[in-house]
Protein backbone atom coordinates (compact mmCIF):
# COMPACT_ATOMS: atom_id res chain seq x y z
CA MET A 1 80.71 77.07 59.02
CA SER A 2 83.84 75.13 59.77
CA PHE A 3 84.30 73.21 63.15
CA LYS A 4 87.60 75.80 63.81
CA LYS A 5 84.78 78.70 63.27
CA LEU A 6 82.16 77.42 65.43
CA VAL A 7 84.84 76.50 68.84
CA GLY A 8 85.60 80.33 67.72
CA LYS A 9 82.43 81.52 68.30
CA LEU A 10 82.25 79.41 71.57
CA HIS A 11 84.90 80.76 73.14
CA LEU A 12 84.08 84.36 72.00
CA TRP A 13 81.11 84.51 73.14
CA LEU A 14 81.58 82.14 76.72
CA GLY A 15 84.88 84.60 77.54
CA LEU A 16 82.77 87.52 77.07
CA ALA A 17 80.15 86.09 79.39
CA SER A 18 82.98 85.03 82.06
CA GLY A 19 85.70 87.20 81.76
CA LEU A 20 84.68 89.86 84.25
CA VAL A 21 84.72 86.60 87.09
CA VAL A 22 87.89 85.05 86.28
CA PHE A 23 89.93 88.13 86.39
CA VAL A 24 88.11 88.67 89.33
CA VAL A 25 89.13 85.21 90.97
CA SER A 26 92.63 85.47 88.80
CA ILE A 27 93.56 88.12 90.47
CA THR A 28 92.18 87.08 94.26
CA GLY A 29 93.57 83.59 94.04
CA CYS A 30 96.96 85.43 92.72
CA ILE A 31 97.14 87.31 95.98
CA LEU A 32 96.48 84.01 98.22
CA ALA A 33 99.08 82.22 96.54
CA PHE A 34 101.87 83.59 99.20
CA GLU A 35 98.80 84.35 102.33
CA HIS A 36 101.46 81.83 104.78
CA GLU A 37 104.23 83.50 103.70
CA ILE A 38 103.03 86.93 104.16
CA LYS A 39 100.95 86.17 107.55
CA SER A 40 104.31 84.34 109.00
CA ILE A 41 106.07 88.11 108.42
CA THR A 42 103.33 90.49 109.16
CA LEU A 43 101.39 88.87 111.84
CA PRO A 44 104.39 88.31 115.08
CA PHE A 45 101.90 87.57 117.10
CA LEU A 46 101.61 83.89 115.65
CA TYR A 47 104.52 82.89 117.05
CA ILE A 48 106.11 82.56 120.27
CA THR A 49 109.25 81.83 122.10
CA THR A 50 109.49 78.50 123.16
CA PRO A 51 110.82 78.27 127.05
CA ALA A 52 114.12 77.38 127.34
CA GLU A 53 113.55 74.61 129.89
CA LYS A 54 111.31 71.21 128.85
CA GLN A 55 107.61 73.10 130.30
CA ALA A 56 104.35 71.23 129.49
CA MET A 57 101.72 73.51 127.37
CA LEU A 58 98.63 74.52 129.29
CA PRO A 59 95.59 71.67 128.52
CA PRO A 60 92.68 73.06 126.54
CA SER A 61 90.57 73.71 129.52
CA LYS A 62 92.99 76.43 130.86
CA LEU A 63 93.30 78.31 127.49
CA ILE A 64 89.39 77.78 127.10
CA GLU A 65 89.05 79.84 130.61
CA ILE A 66 91.64 82.49 129.56
CA SER A 67 90.44 83.62 126.38
CA GLU A 68 86.58 83.26 127.74
CA LYS A 69 87.46 85.82 130.20
CA ALA A 70 88.87 87.58 127.57
CA MET A 71 85.69 87.59 125.56
CA ASN A 72 83.80 88.76 128.16
CA GLY A 73 82.22 84.77 128.82
CA THR A 74 81.61 84.22 125.50
CA LYS A 75 81.40 80.11 125.08
CA ALA A 76 84.80 78.76 123.33
CA SER A 77 84.06 76.82 120.32
CA SER A 78 87.79 75.45 119.81
CA VAL A 79 91.26 74.99 120.36
CA TYR A 80 93.86 75.02 117.95
CA TYR A 81 97.46 73.72 119.46
CA TYR A 82 100.27 74.21 116.30
CA GLU A 83 104.22 72.89 115.91
CA THR A 84 106.69 74.28 117.92
CA GLY A 85 107.81 77.82 117.88
CA LYS A 86 103.50 78.58 116.86
CA SER A 87 101.02 80.47 119.33
CA ALA A 88 97.76 78.63 120.11
CA VAL A 89 94.39 79.68 118.85
CA VAL A 90 91.04 79.98 120.66
CA ARG A 91 88.34 80.10 118.34
CA PHE A 92 84.70 82.17 119.09
CA ILE A 93 81.78 81.76 116.62
CA SER A 94 78.88 84.05 116.98
CA LYS A 95 76.13 83.03 114.10
CA GLU A 96 74.42 86.41 113.96
CA PRO A 97 75.72 88.02 112.04
CA LYS A 98 78.73 85.36 111.99
CA THR A 99 81.59 86.21 113.29
CA VAL A 100 84.94 84.55 114.06
CA TYR A 101 87.37 85.17 116.46
CA ASN A 102 90.27 84.33 117.09
CA VAL A 103 92.11 84.10 120.77
CA TYR A 104 95.99 84.30 120.47
CA ILE A 105 97.72 82.96 123.14
CA ASN A 106 100.39 81.69 124.28
CA PRO A 107 100.54 77.60 124.95
CA TYR A 108 103.06 77.93 128.43
CA THR A 109 102.20 80.96 129.56
CA GLY A 110 98.70 81.60 129.17
CA ASN A 111 99.83 85.04 127.90
CA ILE A 112 97.10 86.38 124.86
CA LEU A 113 98.94 87.91 122.94
CA LYS A 114 96.30 88.99 120.18
CA VAL A 115 92.10 88.67 120.31
CA TRP A 116 91.27 89.44 116.09
CA ASN A 117 87.89 89.68 114.80
CA THR A 118 88.73 87.59 111.63
CA GLU A 119 86.21 89.33 109.23
CA GLU A 120 88.88 92.63 108.94
CA ASP A 121 91.34 90.01 107.98
CA PHE A 122 92.70 90.96 104.85
CA PHE A 123 93.16 87.81 103.61
CA ARG A 124 89.45 87.16 104.70
CA ILE A 125 88.41 89.71 102.54
CA ILE A 126 90.08 88.52 99.61
CA LEU A 127 89.33 85.63 100.04
CA ASN A 128 85.62 86.49 100.19
CA GLY A 129 86.06 88.06 96.83
CA HIS A 130 87.97 84.54 95.48
CA PHE A 131 84.85 82.24 96.26
CA ASN A 132 82.09 84.37 96.32
CA LEU A 133 83.00 88.11 94.45
CA TRP A 134 81.94 89.69 97.69
CA ILE A 135 77.91 88.97 97.86
CA PRO A 136 75.98 86.88 99.71
CA ARG A 137 77.82 83.50 99.49
CA PRO A 138 74.53 81.52 98.33
CA VAL A 139 74.68 83.60 95.06
CA GLY A 140 78.31 84.33 94.43
CA SER A 141 79.77 80.80 94.76
CA TYR A 142 77.39 79.45 92.94
CA ILE A 143 78.31 81.79 89.46
CA VAL A 144 82.63 81.60 90.90
CA SER A 145 80.90 78.02 90.12
CA TYR A 146 80.05 78.25 86.97
CA ALA A 147 81.84 80.83 85.59
CA THR A 148 85.06 78.10 86.30
CA LEU A 149 83.53 75.35 84.52
CA ILE A 150 82.82 78.27 82.05
CA PHE A 151 86.70 79.17 82.31
CA SER A 152 87.98 74.63 81.92
CA ILE A 153 86.00 74.95 78.39
CA LEU A 154 87.54 77.93 77.60
CA LEU A 155 90.75 76.43 77.58
CA LEU A 156 89.71 73.68 75.95
CA THR A 157 88.81 75.82 73.09
CA GLY A 158 91.49 77.98 73.33
CA ILE A 159 93.87 74.99 72.88
CA ILE A 160 92.33 73.53 69.74
CA LEU A 161 92.29 77.15 67.96
CA TRP A 162 96.14 77.76 69.09
CA TRP A 163 96.79 74.37 67.45
CA PRO A 164 98.53 74.95 64.29
CA LYS A 165 97.65 73.91 60.85
CA ASN A 166 101.21 72.41 60.33
CA LEU A 167 103.91 72.13 62.01
CA LYS A 168 106.26 74.30 60.25
CA LYS A 169 108.49 76.44 61.81
CA SER A 170 107.30 79.51 61.08
CA ASN A 171 103.92 78.12 62.33
CA THR A 172 105.09 76.61 65.22
CA ASP A 173 107.24 80.90 65.67
CA LYS A 174 103.78 81.82 65.83
CA SER A 175 102.91 79.72 68.53
CA PHE A 176 105.20 79.03 71.20
CA LYS A 177 106.81 83.20 71.07
CA ILE A 178 105.87 86.51 71.37
CA LYS A 179 106.95 88.68 68.78
CA TRP A 180 107.71 91.68 70.95
CA ASN A 181 109.09 93.98 68.17
CA ALA A 182 105.05 93.56 66.58
CA LYS A 183 102.47 96.31 66.47
CA TRP A 184 100.99 96.63 70.32
CA ARG A 185 97.87 94.51 69.20
CA ARG A 186 99.39 91.69 67.66
CA VAL A 187 101.66 91.68 70.77
CA ASN A 188 98.91 91.62 72.65
CA TYR A 189 97.56 89.21 70.11
CA ASP A 190 100.61 86.60 71.30
CA LEU A 191 100.18 87.69 75.06
CA HIS A 192 96.54 85.79 74.71
CA ASN A 193 97.78 83.11 73.27
CA VAL A 194 101.03 81.46 73.66
CA PRO A 195 101.28 82.10 77.85
CA GLY A 196 97.54 80.17 77.58
CA PHE A 197 99.41 77.37 75.76
CA TYR A 198 102.16 77.28 78.02
CA ILE A 199 100.54 77.45 81.26
CA PHE A 200 97.07 75.06 79.82
CA PHE A 201 97.90 72.09 82.33
CA ILE A 202 98.25 74.15 85.37
CA ALA A 203 95.06 76.41 84.86
CA LEU A 204 92.96 73.66 83.63
CA THR A 205 93.74 71.89 87.28
CA LEU A 206 93.90 74.96 89.15
CA ALA A 207 89.88 75.12 87.30
CA LEU A 208 89.03 71.58 87.67
CA THR A 209 90.61 71.91 91.41
CA GLY A 210 88.58 75.32 92.35
CA MET A 211 85.25 73.30 91.08
CA MET A 212 85.61 70.10 93.60
CA PHE A 213 84.32 73.28 96.34
CA GLY A 214 81.39 74.90 94.66
CA VAL A 215 79.91 72.53 92.00
CA GLU A 216 78.63 69.61 93.74
CA TRP A 217 77.58 66.86 90.59
CA PHE A 218 81.08 67.71 89.67
CA ASN A 219 82.61 66.70 93.39
CA ASN A 220 79.99 63.81 92.79
CA SER A 221 81.37 62.74 90.08
CA ILE A 222 85.00 62.95 91.08
CA TYR A 223 83.73 60.57 93.79
CA ARG A 224 82.33 58.39 92.43
CA ILE A 225 85.38 57.62 89.42
CA ALA A 226 87.76 57.59 92.82
CA SER A 227 85.13 55.19 94.96
CA LEU A 228 84.83 52.58 91.94
CA GLY A 229 81.49 53.76 91.22
CA HIS A 230 80.55 54.28 94.91
CA THR A 231 77.79 57.19 95.63
CA LYS A 232 78.75 58.93 98.68
CA ALA A 233 78.72 57.54 102.41
CA GLU A 234 75.64 59.62 104.43
CA ARG A 235 77.66 61.54 107.25
CA ILE A 236 76.48 60.34 110.96
CA GLU A 237 77.76 62.75 113.44
CA PRO A 238 77.76 60.85 116.82
CA ILE A 239 75.26 61.74 119.64
CA SER A 240 77.23 62.39 123.18
CA ASP A 241 74.89 60.22 126.35
CA THR A 242 72.98 62.74 128.09
CA LEU A 243 72.75 59.55 130.61
CA ASN A 244 75.60 60.54 132.57
CA ILE A 245 75.51 64.36 132.59
CA CYS A 246 75.25 64.15 135.78
CA ALA A 247 78.55 63.28 136.82
CA TYR A 248 79.86 64.98 133.51
CA ASN A 249 82.87 67.46 133.96
CA LYS A 250 83.93 68.56 130.32
CA GLU A 251 87.65 69.79 131.40
CA LYS A 252 88.59 66.64 132.83
CA THR A 253 87.65 64.32 129.50
CA LEU A 254 88.97 67.90 127.34
CA ASP A 255 91.74 67.40 129.24
CA HIS A 256 92.37 63.88 129.15
CA LEU A 257 92.11 63.19 125.22
CA TRP A 258 94.40 66.47 124.73
CA LEU A 259 97.13 64.34 126.93
CA GLN A 260 96.30 61.09 125.42
CA ILE A 261 96.03 62.51 121.48
CA SER A 262 98.90 64.92 122.43
CA ALA A 263 101.06 61.14 123.52
CA GLU A 264 100.04 59.87 120.54
CA HIS A 265 101.09 62.17 117.59
CA GLU A 266 103.99 64.18 119.48
CA ASN A 267 105.50 65.54 116.06
CA THR A 268 102.63 66.21 114.19
CA SER A 269 101.23 70.18 112.09
CA SER A 270 98.29 70.50 114.48
CA ILE A 271 95.42 68.97 116.65
CA SER A 272 91.95 70.88 117.40
CA PHE A 273 89.55 70.35 119.92
CA SER A 274 86.13 71.29 119.75
CA ASN A 275 84.45 72.71 122.63
CA PRO A 276 80.48 71.41 122.28
CA ALA A 277 77.94 73.35 121.69
CA ASP A 278 75.37 71.57 123.03
CA ALA A 279 74.71 68.39 125.29
CA ALA A 280 74.58 66.03 122.48
CA LYS A 281 77.42 67.42 120.54
CA PRO A 282 80.68 65.13 120.59
CA ILE A 283 84.09 66.47 120.96
CA VAL A 284 85.84 66.22 117.84
CA VAL A 285 89.29 65.84 117.41
CA THR A 286 91.05 66.77 114.06
CA ILE A 287 94.85 66.04 113.64
CA ASN A 288 96.82 67.06 111.32
CA PRO A 289 100.07 65.26 110.66
CA SER A 290 101.83 67.40 108.05
CA PRO A 291 102.54 70.74 108.71
CA GLY A 292 102.01 72.84 105.59
CA THR A 293 99.44 70.33 103.32
CA TYR A 294 95.80 69.38 104.34
CA TYR A 295 95.18 65.73 102.32
CA GLN A 296 96.56 64.05 105.52
CA ALA A 297 93.91 65.50 107.96
CA TYR A 298 91.86 63.75 109.65
CA SER A 299 88.71 63.64 112.86
CA ARG A 300 87.90 61.54 115.56
CA TYR A 301 85.05 61.67 117.48
CA PHE A 302 84.82 61.34 120.96
CA ASP A 303 81.67 61.38 123.58
CA GLN A 304 81.92 64.65 125.74
CA TYR A 305 80.95 62.77 129.26
CA THR A 306 82.87 59.75 129.09
CA GLY A 307 85.94 60.50 126.90
CA LYS A 308 84.49 57.28 124.51
CA GLU A 309 85.49 57.28 120.80
CA PHE A 310 83.00 56.27 118.18
CA ILE A 311 83.81 53.52 115.97
CA GLY A 312 81.61 53.19 113.59
CA LYS A 313 80.09 52.76 109.43
CA ASN A 314 79.81 56.49 108.29
CA LEU A 315 80.81 58.13 110.87
CA TYR A 316 82.54 61.46 109.22
CA ASN A 317 85.65 60.56 111.23
CA GLY A 318 89.62 58.04 110.11
CA HIS A 319 87.71 55.30 111.15
CA ALA A 320 85.50 55.45 108.08
CA GLU A 321 86.73 54.28 104.81
CA GLU A 322 84.48 55.75 102.51
CA LEU A 323 84.31 58.99 104.47
CA LYS A 324 88.46 59.02 104.68
CA LEU A 325 88.60 58.68 100.43
CA GLU A 326 85.79 62.07 100.89
CA ARG A 327 88.19 64.14 103.05
CA PHE A 328 91.22 63.25 101.26
CA LEU A 329 89.95 63.93 97.95
CA HIS A 330 88.43 67.17 99.62
CA ASN A 331 92.24 67.89 101.08
CA LEU A 332 93.74 67.18 97.80
CA SER A 333 92.44 69.09 95.67
CA TYR A 334 92.74 72.62 98.19
CA ASP A 335 96.48 71.10 98.31
CA ILE A 336 96.64 71.60 95.11
CA HIS A 337 94.52 74.25 94.42
CA VAL A 338 96.98 76.47 95.96
CA GLY A 339 99.84 74.43 95.22
CA GLU A 340 100.94 73.28 98.79
CA ILE A 341 100.73 70.10 97.47
CA ALA A 342 104.06 71.12 95.93
CA GLY A 343 105.58 72.77 98.50
CA LEU A 344 107.41 76.46 97.37
CA PRO A 345 107.87 76.11 93.92
CA GLY A 346 104.01 74.71 93.86
CA LYS A 347 102.93 78.25 94.87
CA ILE A 348 104.83 79.89 92.39
CA LEU A 349 103.14 78.42 89.47
CA ALA A 350 99.96 78.81 91.37
CA PHE A 351 100.91 82.36 91.45
CA ALA A 352 102.42 82.42 87.76
CA ALA A 353 98.98 80.54 86.42
CA SER A 354 96.36 82.83 88.57
CA PHE A 355 98.71 85.86 87.42
CA ILE A 356 98.52 84.78 83.38
CA CYS A 357 94.65 83.13 83.99
CA ALA A 358 93.65 86.79 85.01
CA SER A 359 95.06 88.25 82.13
CA LEU A 360 93.48 86.09 79.54
CA PRO A 361 90.22 87.50 79.74
CA VAL A 362 91.71 91.58 79.49
CA SER A 363 93.90 90.47 76.04
CA GLY A 364 90.60 88.98 74.55
CA PHE A 365 88.61 91.72 75.13
CA ILE A 366 90.93 93.50 73.84
CA ILE A 367 91.08 91.30 70.49
CA TRP A 368 87.45 91.48 69.93
CA LEU A 369 87.45 95.25 70.24
CA GLY A 370 90.37 95.45 67.55
CA ARG A 371 87.87 93.03 65.55
CA LYS A 372 84.81 95.21 66.17
CA LYS A 373 86.61 98.54 65.49
CA LYS A 374 87.88 96.55 61.87
CA GLU A 375 84.73 95.17 60.84
CA LYS A 376 82.99 98.21 61.18
CA LYS A 377 86.09 100.40 59.14
CA ASN A 378 85.70 97.54 56.06
CA SER A 379 81.70 98.00 56.74
CA ASN A 380 81.89 101.91 56.01
CA LYS A 381 84.17 101.62 53.25
CA ILE A 382 81.84 99.02 51.47
CA LYS A 383 78.61 101.36 52.04
CA THR A 384 81.17 104.41 50.48
CA HIS A 385 82.04 102.13 47.56
CA VAL A 386 78.09 101.54 46.91
CA ILE A 387 77.20 105.43 47.73
CA ILE A 388 80.46 105.85 44.78
């Protein structure tokens, strides 16, 4: 068996094994490409009218107090402040069953704009399909991750099969152009090969960045390459000093940090403050300086009693260089994966590539069916000839 035939067999069986998963992941990826743009039109509570006069925003303690009353005393988990013109969000997370509620609130007036169960969000439902096929996450994410790995191999084998034997015009025309006036089977064949070639690098990038979130050994390998051979540092979350609990004033500490961090980052995309769930937890402040992307985001940890910042080796915050790299790679992978890294043109490319990726298992399956029917027809002809 020749090398190209062997590659063809591998391409066929891997495609049949992963096709349905690739189709679901790609179609959901298409829908998610313009999530923020669609939400900006369909969800008016995401935005507020900024006061004409320069009015101070309410501190986290006040937003938490208002929101917890609306949630019948449930403890808030975090507060998010966004850029000018956007509502603040107070988040509530219940563990059993895990449910996330967002309370959208005007940070200047304290008016509640919306209490929203995010599990009912259309895009959250689509995201669950994209990540884990709407089945339990441990199983679903595993299937998606390794189907994505298989898809990466399919892209590589597809390029080998696509590659013309020589560069004569007749061959290059077949490889680079779709023959629209041909029979539908030939058009389908061209739709599998030609667009697949044009989006090869984009599709491979989407697949590899997607694997960063589900294939641990791949994620670790990328980190080792980026860090020139180092392994990931152990994450150490600092512990608040409970000896200071007697003098504890959560509201005062949280509001003091809010004033401090807000003054340090006046023009930033978002700043979030965690509301410690227990006595030992720190306050985690996450800062994202760039709207639309996450690769520059980082976290800082503070003692919930004294407000003192924890700075040290291996802390998962902005002051540990090895963990800054880990967070940077993780966030950059996400920004590249959704096309955010290149703004609107990047999203359009991600959408188009995802749509073509969704079409490849369909057109490939049709090619396979056609060949099976042809083989069966030829086999019947041979049998008939032998009988005669």
